Amino acid sequence: MPQKLPSIFKTARHQRFHLSPRYYDPVREDIQRREKNIKRQHEAGNENKEGPDLIQGSFKRYTSKTNSQSTLIRLIIIFLLLVAVLILFY
């Protein structure tokens, strides 16, 4: 093996990479999230359920009304376009 010649400049050393492995447990995450929600509700003294389930349910009701209205409007527009096309051909 050849000997290294002396130098005035320092050469860079290897950079070491250290990765600490992490473990992800979705069940544990879910349990911790639920515990936080329960503690928050208990501290607020609120016995009513104000979690995401209640919000999702009300949103679904709102979207069903909106969807039926938009469907009706869409049908009216299509009907008017068909009538306009028929008038243009006659």
PDB file of N, CA and C in Angstrom:
ATOM      1  N   MET A   1       0.825  -1.165   0.000  1.00  0.00           N
ATOM      2  CA  MET A   1       0.000   0.000   0.000  1.00  0.00           C
ATOM      3  C   MET A   1       0.880   1.243   0.000  1.00  0.00           C
ATOM      4  N   PRO A   2       0.612   2.177  -0.905  1.00  0.00           N
ATOM      5  CA  PRO A   2       1.473   3.369  -0.969  1.00  0.00           C
ATOM      6  C   PRO A   2       1.248   4.279   0.233  1.00  0.00           C
ATOM      7  N   GLN A   3       2.311   4.889   0.631  1.00  0.00           N
ATOM      8  CA  GLN A   3       2.247   5.827   1.747  1.00  0.00           C
ATOM      9  C   GLN A   3       1.672   7.151   1.266  1.00  0.00           C
ATOM     10  N   LYS A   4       0.951   7.830   2.162  1.00  0.00           N
ATOM     11  CA  LYS A   4       0.377   9.120   1.843  1.00  0.00           C
ATOM     12  C   LYS A   4       1.446  10.192   2.037  1.00  0.00           C
ATOM     13  N   LEU A   5       1.562  11.080   1.074  1.00  0.00           N
ATOM     14  CA  LEU A   5       2.530  12.166   1.176  1.00  0.00           C
ATOM     15  C   LEU A   5       2.015  13.244   2.121  1.00  0.00           C
ATOM     16  N   PRO A   6       2.883  13.857   2.897  1.00  0.00           N
ATOM     17  CA  PRO A   6       2.433  14.924   3.787  1.00  0.00           C
ATOM     18  C   PRO A   6       1.943  16.133   2.987  1.00  0.00           C
ATOM     19  N   SER A   7       0.916  16.826   3.538  1.00  0.00           N
ATOM     20  CA  SER A   7       0.326  17.958   2.832  1.00  0.00           C
ATOM     21  C   SER A   7      -0.021  19.056   3.825  1.00  0.00           C
ATOM     22  N   ILE A   8      -0.111  20.288   3.344  1.00  0.00           N
ATOM     23  CA  ILE A   8      -0.489  21.401   4.213  1.00  0.00           C
ATOM     24  C   ILE A   8      -2.017  21.487   4.317  1.00  0.00           C
ATOM     25  N   PHE A   9      -2.708  20.985   3.337  1.00  0.00           N
ATOM     26  CA  PHE A   9      -4.167  21.039   3.319  1.00  0.00           C
ATOM     27  C   PHE A   9      -4.756  19.757   3.900  1.00  0.00           C
ATOM     28  N   LYS A  10      -5.832  19.951   4.658  1.00  0.00           N
ATOM     29  CA  LYS A  10      -6.520  18.780   5.202  1.00  0.00           C
ATOM     30  C   LYS A  10      -7.481  18.228   4.162  1.00  0.00           C
ATOM     31  N   THR A  11      -7.501  16.963   4.054  1.00  0.00           N
ATOM     32  CA  THR A  11      -8.462  16.341   3.147  1.00  0.00           C
ATOM     33  C   THR A  11      -9.725  15.972   3.926  1.00  0.00           C
ATOM     34  N   ALA A  12     -10.821  15.994   3.257  1.00  0.00           N
ATOM     35  CA  ALA A  12     -12.091  15.697   3.915  1.00  0.00           C
ATOM     36  C   ALA A  12     -12.185  14.217   4.260  1.00  0.00           C
ATOM     37  N   ARG A  13     -12.763  13.937   5.393  1.00  0.00           N
ATOM     38  CA  ARG A  13     -12.976  12.553   5.808  1.00  0.00           C
ATOM     39  C   ARG A  13     -14.334  12.070   5.309  1.00  0.00           C
ATOM     40  N   HIS A  14     -14.580  10.792   5.443  1.00  0.00           N
ATOM     41  CA  HIS A  14     -15.871  10.241   5.060  1.00  0.00           C
ATOM     42  C   HIS A  14     -16.955  10.861   5.937  1.00  0.00           C
ATOM     43  N   GLN A  15     -18.072  11.123   5.327  1.00  0.00           N
ATOM     44  CA  GLN A  15     -19.203  11.574   6.130  1.00  0.00           C
ATOM     45  C   GLN A  15     -19.997  10.350   6.539  1.00  0.00           C
ATOM     46  N   ARG A  16     -20.272  10.291   7.798  1.00  0.00           N
ATOM     47  CA  ARG A  16     -21.013   9.139   8.301  1.00  0.00           C
ATOM     48  C   ARG A  16     -22.500   9.461   8.324  1.00  0.00           C
ATOM     49  N   PHE A  17     -23.271   8.480   7.985  1.00  0.00           N
ATOM     50  CA  PHE A  17     -24.722   8.622   7.958  1.00  0.00           C
ATOM     51  C   PHE A  17     -25.298   7.698   9.011  1.00  0.00           C
ATOM     52  N   HIS A  18     -26.061   8.283   9.926  1.00  0.00           N
ATOM     53  CA  HIS A  18     -26.656   7.480  10.980  1.00  0.00           C
ATOM     54  C   HIS A  18     -28.170   7.621  10.900  1.00  0.00           C
ATOM     55  N   LEU A  19     -28.829   6.512  10.698  1.00  0.00           N
ATOM     56  CA  LEU A  19     -30.280   6.500  10.634  1.00  0.00           C
ATOM     57  C   LEU A  19     -30.799   5.654  11.775  1.00  0.00           C
ATOM     58  N   SER A  20     -31.543   6.290  12.662  1.00  0.00           N
ATOM     59  CA  SER A  20     -32.117   5.513  13.762  1.00  0.00           C
ATOM     60  C   SER A  20     -33.470   4.975  13.282  1.00  0.00           C
ATOM     61  N   PRO A  21     -33.670   3.690  13.353  1.00  0.00           N
ATOM     62  CA  PRO A  21     -34.922   3.112  12.857  1.00  0.00           C
ATOM     63  C   PRO A  21     -36.107   3.529  13.728  1.00  0.00           C
ATOM     64  N   ARG A  22     -37.230   3.762  13.072  1.00  0.00           N
ATOM     65  CA  ARG A  22     -38.447   4.131  13.784  1.00  0.00           C
ATOM     66  C   ARG A  22     -39.486   3.041  13.562  1.00  0.00           C
ATOM     67  N   TYR A  23     -40.351   2.901  14.549  1.00  0.00           N
ATOM     68  CA  TYR A  23     -41.401   1.898  14.450  1.00  0.00           C
ATOM     69  C   TYR A  23     -42.734   2.614  14.482  1.00  0.00           C
ATOM     70  N   TYR A  24     -43.579   2.350  13.523  1.00  0.00           N
ATOM     71  CA  TYR A  24     -44.886   2.987  13.452  1.00  0.00           C
ATOM     72  C   TYR A  24     -45.960   1.951  13.741  1.00  0.00           C
ATOM     73  N   ASP A  25     -46.779   2.230  14.716  1.00  0.00           N
ATOM     74  CA  ASP A  25     -47.872   1.332  15.086  1.00  0.00           C
ATOM     75  C   ASP A  25     -49.187   2.095  14.926  1.00  0.00           C
ATOM     76  N   PRO A  26     -49.956   1.818  13.868  1.00  0.00           N
ATOM     77  CA  PRO A  26     -51.189   2.572  13.640  1.00  0.00           C
ATOM     78  C   PRO A  26     -52.227   2.360  14.733  1.00  0.00           C
ATOM     79  N   VAL A  27     -52.263   1.192  15.345  1.00  0.00           N
ATOM     80  CA  VAL A  27     -53.227   0.935  16.414  1.00  0.00           C
ATOM     81  C   VAL A  27     -52.909   1.818  17.620  1.00  0.00           C
ATOM     82  N   ARG A  28     -51.636   1.893  17.951  1.00  0.00           N
ATOM     83  CA  ARG A  28     -51.231   2.722  19.082  1.00  0.00           C
ATOM     84  C   ARG A  28     -51.526   4.196  18.816  1.00  0.00           C
ATOM     85  N   GLU A  29     -51.272   4.651  17.581  1.00  0.00           N
ATOM     86  CA  GLU A  29     -51.574   6.033  17.205  1.00  0.00           C
ATOM     87  C   GLU A  29     -53.064   6.314  17.383  1.00  0.00           C
ATOM     88  N   ASP A  30     -53.909   5.381  16.945  1.00  0.00           N
ATOM     89  CA  ASP A  30     -55.357   5.557  17.052  1.00  0.00           C
ATOM     90  C   ASP A  30     -55.779   5.620  18.514  1.00  0.00           C
ATOM     91  N   ILE A  31     -55.216   4.756  19.344  1.00  0.00           N
ATOM     92  CA  ILE A  31     -55.545   4.758  20.771  1.00  0.00           C
ATOM     93  C   ILE A  31     -55.146   6.083  21.414  1.00  0.00           C
ATOM     94  N   GLN A  32     -53.957   6.578  21.080  1.00  0.00           N
ATOM     95  CA  GLN A  32     -53.504   7.851  21.652  1.00  0.00           C
ATOM     96  C   GLN A  32     -54.394   9.004  21.199  1.00  0.00           C
ATOM     97  N   ARG A  33     -54.821   8.975  19.934  1.00  0.00           N
ATOM     98  CA  ARG A  33     -55.691  10.041  19.425  1.00  0.00           C
ATOM     99  C   ARG A  33     -57.026  10.020  20.159  1.00  0.00           C
ATOM    100  N   ARG A  34     -57.570   8.829  20.368  1.00  0.00           N
ATOM    101  CA  ARG A  34     -58.844   8.716  21.081  1.00  0.00           C
ATOM    102  C   ARG A  34     -58.717   9.162  22.526  1.00  0.00           C
ATOM    103  N   GLU A  35     -57.607   8.796  23.170  1.00  0.00           N
ATOM    104  CA  GLU A  35     -57.392   9.218  24.558  1.00  0.00           C
ATOM    105  C   GLU A  35     -57.338  10.737  24.661  1.00  0.00           C
ATOM    106  N   LYS A  36     -56.664  11.384  23.725  1.00  0.00           N
ATOM    107  CA  LYS A  36     -56.595  12.847  23.737  1.00  0.00           C
ATOM    108  C   LYS A  36     -57.980  13.464  23.584  1.00  0.00           C
ATOM    109  N   ASN A  37     -58.795  12.895  22.671  1.00  0.00           N
ATOM    110  CA  ASN A  37     -60.148  13.418  22.480  1.00  0.00           C
ATOM    111  C   ASN A  37     -60.994  13.251  23.736  1.00  0.00           C
ATOM    112  N   ILE A  38     -60.873  12.103  24.382  1.00  0.00           N
ATOM    113  CA  ILE A  38     -61.648  11.846  25.601  1.00  0.00           C
ATOM    114  C   ILE A  38     -61.208  12.790  26.715  1.00  0.00           C
ATOM    115  N   LYS A  39     -59.904  12.987  26.872  1.00  0.00           N
ATOM    116  CA  LYS A  39     -59.411  13.902  27.901  1.00  0.00           C
ATOM    117  C   LYS A  39     -59.884  15.324  27.636  1.00  0.00           C
ATOM    118  N   ARG A  40     -59.847  15.740  26.373  1.00  0.00           N
ATOM    119  CA  ARG A  40     -60.286  17.087  26.018  1.00  0.00           C
ATOM    120  C   ARG A  40     -61.768  17.266  26.324  1.00  0.00           C
ATOM    121  N   GLN A  41     -62.585  16.271  26.010  1.00  0.00           N
ATOM    122  CA  GLN A  41     -64.012  16.354  26.302  1.00  0.00           C
ATOM    123  C   GLN A  41     -64.255  16.343  27.805  1.00  0.00           C
ATOM    124  N   HIS A  42     -63.497  15.534  28.518  1.00  0.00           N
ATOM    125  CA  HIS A  42     -63.669  15.462  29.973  1.00  0.00           C
ATOM    126  C   HIS A  42     -63.275  16.778  30.637  1.00  0.00           C
ATOM    127  N   GLU A  43     -62.189  17.387  30.176  1.00  0.00           N
ATOM    128  CA  GLU A  43     -61.747  18.655  30.745  1.00  0.00           C
ATOM    129  C   GLU A  43     -62.746  19.763  30.452  1.00  0.00           C
ATOM    130  N   ALA A  44     -63.374  19.729  29.302  1.00  0.00           N
ATOM    131  CA  ALA A  44     -64.353  20.748  28.952  1.00  0.00           C
ATOM    132  C   ALA A  44     -65.657  20.531  29.698  1.00  0.00           C
ATOM    133  N   GLY A  45     -65.834  19.329  30.268  1.00  0.00           N
ATOM    134  CA  GLY A  45     -67.066  19.040  30.988  1.00  0.00           C
ATOM    135  C   GLY A  45     -68.237  18.862  30.042  1.00  0.00           C
ATOM    136  N   ASN A  46     -67.935  18.552  28.818  1.00  0.00           N
ATOM    137  CA  ASN A  46     -68.963  18.422  27.806  1.00  0.00           C
ATOM    138  C   ASN A  46     -69.251  16.943  27.577  1.00  0.00           C
ATOM    139  N   GLU A  47     -70.473  16.536  27.859  1.00  0.00           N
ATOM    140  CA  GLU A  47     -70.844  15.136  27.689  1.00  0.00           C
ATOM    141  C   GLU A  47     -71.354  14.868  26.273  1.00  0.00           C
ATOM    142  N   ASN A  48     -71.658  15.915  25.509  1.00  0.00           N
ATOM    143  CA  ASN A  48     -72.146  15.725  24.141  1.00  0.00           C
ATOM    144  C   ASN A  48     -71.013  15.277  23.244  1.00  0.00           C
ATOM    145  N   LYS A  49     -71.376  14.529  22.245  1.00  0.00           N
ATOM    146  CA  LYS A  49     -70.363  14.052  21.298  1.00  0.00           C
ATOM    147  C   LYS A  49     -70.163  15.123  20.235  1.00  0.00           C
ATOM    148  N   GLU A  50     -68.999  15.745  20.231  1.00  0.00           N
ATOM    149  CA  GLU A  50     -68.694  16.779  19.249  1.00  0.00           C
ATOM    150  C   GLU A  50     -67.490  16.387  18.422  1.00  0.00           C
ATOM    151  N   GLY A  51     -67.313  15.110  18.213  1.00  0.00           N
ATOM    152  CA  GLY A  51     -66.159  14.625  17.477  1.00  0.00           C
ATOM    153  C   GLY A  51     -66.380  14.682  15.976  1.00  0.00           C
ATOM    154  N   PRO A  52     -65.471  14.113  15.234  1.00  0.00           N
ATOM    155  CA  PRO A  52     -65.564  14.161  13.777  1.00  0.00           C
ATOM    156  C   PRO A  52     -66.748  13.374  13.230  1.00  0.00           C
ATOM    157  N   ASP A  53     -67.282  12.397  13.998  1.00  0.00           N
ATOM    158  CA  ASP A  53     -68.419  11.628  13.504  1.00  0.00           C
ATOM    159  C   ASP A  53     -69.645  12.514  13.327  1.00  0.00           C
ATOM    160  N   LEU A  54     -69.874  13.400  14.285  1.00  0.00           N
ATOM    161  CA  LEU A  54     -71.013  14.295  14.205  1.00  0.00           C
ATOM    162  C   LEU A  54     -70.849  15.254  13.031  1.00  0.00           C
ATOM    163  N   ILE A  55     -69.651  15.733  12.834  1.00  0.00           N
ATOM    164  CA  ILE A  55     -69.389  16.655  11.730  1.00  0.00           C
ATOM    165  C   ILE A  55     -69.586  15.946  10.396  1.00  0.00           C
ATOM    166  N   GLN A  56     -69.091  14.722  10.283  1.00  0.00           N
ATOM    167  CA  GLN A  56     -69.238  13.992   9.029  1.00  0.00           C
ATOM    168  C   GLN A  56     -70.694  13.721   8.717  1.00  0.00           C
ATOM    169  N   GLY A  57     -71.486  13.387   9.717  1.00  0.00           N
ATOM    170  CA  GLY A  57     -72.898  13.112   9.483  1.00  0.00           C
ATOM    171  C   GLY A  57     -73.639  14.330   8.972  1.00  0.00           C
ATOM    172  N   SER A  58     -73.379  15.489   9.560  1.00  0.00           N
ATOM    173  CA  SER A  58     -74.067  16.692   9.119  1.00  0.00           C
ATOM    174  C   SER A  58     -73.599  17.097   7.723  1.00  0.00           C
ATOM    175  N   PHE A  59     -72.346  16.850   7.416  1.00  0.00           N
ATOM    176  CA  PHE A  59     -71.840  17.189   6.093  1.00  0.00           C
ATOM    177  C   PHE A  59     -72.504  16.322   5.035  1.00  0.00           C
ATOM    178  N   LYS A  60     -72.706  15.042   5.339  1.00  0.00           N
ATOM    179  CA  LYS A  60     -73.350  14.145   4.383  1.00  0.00           C
ATOM    180  C   LYS A  60     -74.779  14.591   4.116  1.00  0.00           C
ATOM    181  N   ARG A  61     -75.494  15.034   5.153  1.00  0.00           N
ATOM    182  CA  ARG A  61     -76.854  15.507   4.951  1.00  0.00           C
ATOM    183  C   ARG A  61     -76.854  16.747   4.062  1.00  0.00           C
ATOM    184  N   TYR A  62     -75.915  17.635   4.282  1.00  0.00           N
ATOM    185  CA  TYR A  62     -75.838  18.861   3.493  1.00  0.00           C
ATOM    186  C   TYR A  62     -75.515  18.548   2.037  1.00  0.00           C
ATOM    187  N   THR A  63     -74.584  17.646   1.804  1.00  0.00           N
ATOM    188  CA  THR A  63     -74.209  17.321   0.431  1.00  0.00           C
ATOM    189  C   THR A  63     -75.331  16.613  -0.297  1.00  0.00           C
ATOM    190  N   SER A  64     -76.145  15.819   0.402  1.00  0.00           N
ATOM    191  CA  SER A  64     -77.240  15.145  -0.285  1.00  0.00           C
ATOM    192  C   SER A  64     -78.264  16.161  -0.767  1.00  0.00           C
ATOM    193  N   LYS A  65     -78.542  17.210   0.015  1.00  0.00           N
ATOM    194  CA  LYS A  65     -79.455  18.263  -0.432  1.00  0.00           C
ATOM    195  C   LYS A  65     -78.857  19.005  -1.619  1.00  0.00           C
ATOM    196  N   THR A  66     -77.596  19.333  -1.514  1.00  0.00           N
ATOM    197  CA  THR A  66     -76.926  20.066  -2.574  1.00  0.00           C
ATOM    198  C   THR A  66     -76.874  19.232  -3.846  1.00  0.00           C
ATOM    199  N   ASN A  67     -76.618  17.945  -3.724  1.00  0.00           N
ATOM    200  CA  ASN A  67     -76.540  17.083  -4.899  1.00  0.00           C
ATOM    201  C   ASN A  67     -77.881  16.988  -5.602  1.00  0.00           C
ATOM    202  N   SER A  68     -78.977  16.897  -4.860  1.00  0.00           N
ATOM    203  CA  SER A  68     -80.287  16.799  -5.501  1.00  0.00           C
ATOM    204  C   SER A  68     -80.625  18.102  -6.211  1.00  0.00           C
ATOM    205  N   GLN A  69     -80.263  19.246  -5.637  1.00  0.00           N
ATOM    206  CA  GLN A  69     -80.520  20.532  -6.277  1.00  0.00           C
ATOM    207  C   GLN A  69     -79.674  20.677  -7.530  1.00  0.00           C
ATOM    208  N   SER A  70     -78.406  20.306  -7.453  1.00  0.00           N
ATOM    209  CA  SER A  70     -77.547  20.441  -8.616  1.00  0.00           C
ATOM    210  C   SER A  70     -77.966  19.484  -9.726  1.00  0.00           C
ATOM    211  N   THR A  71     -78.468  18.316  -9.365  1.00  0.00           N
ATOM    212  CA  THR A  71     -78.951  17.370 -10.368  1.00  0.00           C
ATOM    213  C   THR A  71     -80.163  17.934 -11.085  1.00  0.00           C
ATOM    214  N   LEU A  72     -81.062  18.556 -10.357  1.00  0.00           N
ATOM    215  CA  LEU A  72     -82.247  19.159 -10.959  1.00  0.00           C
ATOM    216  C   LEU A  72     -81.858  20.293 -11.897  1.00  0.00           C
ATOM    217  N   ILE A  73     -80.947  21.142 -11.460  1.00  0.00           N
ATOM    218  CA  ILE A  73     -80.488  22.250 -12.301  1.00  0.00           C
ATOM    219  C   ILE A  73     -79.810  21.718 -13.556  1.00  0.00           C
ATOM    220  N   ARG A  74     -79.016  20.691 -13.417  1.00  0.00           N
ATOM    221  CA  ARG A  74     -78.334  20.093 -14.565  1.00  0.00           C
ATOM    222  C   ARG A  74     -79.338  19.536 -15.580  1.00  0.00           C
ATOM    223  N   LEU A  75     -80.385  18.882 -15.092  1.00  0.00           N
ATOM    224  CA  LEU A  75     -81.413  18.343 -15.986  1.00  0.00           C
ATOM    225  C   LEU A  75     -82.155  19.453 -16.728  1.00  0.00           C
ATOM    226  N   ILE A  76     -82.444  20.541 -16.045  1.00  0.00           N
ATOM    227  CA  ILE A  76     -83.125  21.674 -16.681  1.00  0.00           C
ATOM    228  C   ILE A  76     -82.251  22.273 -17.775  1.00  0.00           C
ATOM    229  N   ILE A  77     -80.962  22.438 -17.517  1.00  0.00           N
ATOM    230  CA  ILE A  77     -80.049  22.996 -18.512  1.00  0.00           C
ATOM    231  C   ILE A  77     -79.956  22.083 -19.729  1.00  0.00           C
ATOM    232  N   ILE A  78     -79.860  20.781 -19.509  1.00  0.00           N
ATOM    233  CA  ILE A  78     -79.794  19.839 -20.637  1.00  0.00           C
ATOM    234  C   ILE A  78     -81.080  19.900 -21.461  1.00  0.00           C
ATOM    235  N   PHE A  79     -82.220  19.966 -20.786  1.00  0.00           N
ATOM    236  CA  PHE A  79     -83.493  20.061 -21.492  1.00  0.00           C
ATOM    237  C   PHE A  79     -83.561  21.328 -22.338  1.00  0.00           C
ATOM    238  N   LEU A  80     -83.135  22.461 -21.763  1.00  0.00           N
ATOM    239  CA  LEU A  80     -83.158  23.720 -22.509  1.00  0.00           C
ATOM    240  C   LEU A  80     -82.212  23.668 -23.709  1.00  0.00           C
ATOM    241  N   LEU A  81     -81.064  23.053 -23.561  1.00  0.00           N
ATOM    242  CA  LEU A  81     -80.136  22.926 -24.688  1.00  0.00           C
ATOM    243  C   LEU A  81     -80.725  22.050 -25.787  1.00  0.00           C
ATOM    244  N   LEU A  82     -81.379  20.977 -25.405  1.00  0.00           N
ATOM    245  CA  LEU A  82     -82.015  20.112 -26.405  1.00  0.00           C
ATOM    246  C   LEU A  82     -83.123  20.852 -27.150  1.00  0.00           C
ATOM    247  N   VAL A  83     -83.919  21.643 -26.429  1.00  0.00           N
ATOM    248  CA  VAL A  83     -84.973  22.433 -27.072  1.00  0.00           C
ATOM    249  C   VAL A  83     -84.353  23.441 -28.024  1.00  0.00           C
ATOM    250  N   ALA A  84     -83.257  24.092 -27.620  1.00  0.00           N
ATOM    251  CA  ALA A  84     -82.597  25.073 -28.485  1.00  0.00           C
ATOM    252  C   ALA A  84     -82.055  24.414 -29.746  1.00  0.00           C
ATOM    253  N   VAL A  85     -81.499  23.234 -29.645  1.00  0.00           N
ATOM    254  CA  VAL A  85     -80.976  22.524 -30.811  1.00  0.00           C
ATOM    255  C   VAL A  85     -82.116  22.142 -31.755  1.00  0.00           C
ATOM    256  N   LEU A  86     -83.225  21.669 -31.194  1.00  0.00           N
ATOM    257  CA  LEU A  86     -84.385  21.325 -32.022  1.00  0.00           C
ATOM    258  C   LEU A  86     -84.948  22.539 -32.747  1.00  0.00           C
ATOM    259  N   ILE A  87     -84.984  23.679 -32.084  1.00  0.00           N
ATOM    260  CA  ILE A  87     -85.468  24.913 -32.728  1.00  0.00           C
ATOM    261  C   ILE A  87     -84.554  25.321 -33.852  1.00  0.00           C
ATOM    262  N   LEU A  88     -83.240  25.157 -33.679  1.00  0.00           N
ATOM    263  CA  LEU A  88     -82.287  25.537 -34.734  1.00  0.00           C
ATOM    264  C   LEU A  88     -82.442  24.672 -35.989  1.00  0.00           C
ATOM    265  N   PHE A  89     -82.784  23.396 -35.817  1.00  0.00           N
ATOM    266  CA  PHE A  89     -82.928  22.515 -36.967  1.00  0.00           C
ATOM    267  C   PHE A  89     -84.241  22.731 -37.715  1.00  0.00           C
ATOM    268  N   TYR A  90     -85.279  23.287 -37.084  1.00  0.00           N
ATOM    269  CA  TYR A  90     -86.562  23.502 -37.752  1.00  0.00           C
ATOM    270  C   TYR A  90     -86.718  24.890 -38.201  1.00  0.00           C
TER     271      TYR A  90
END
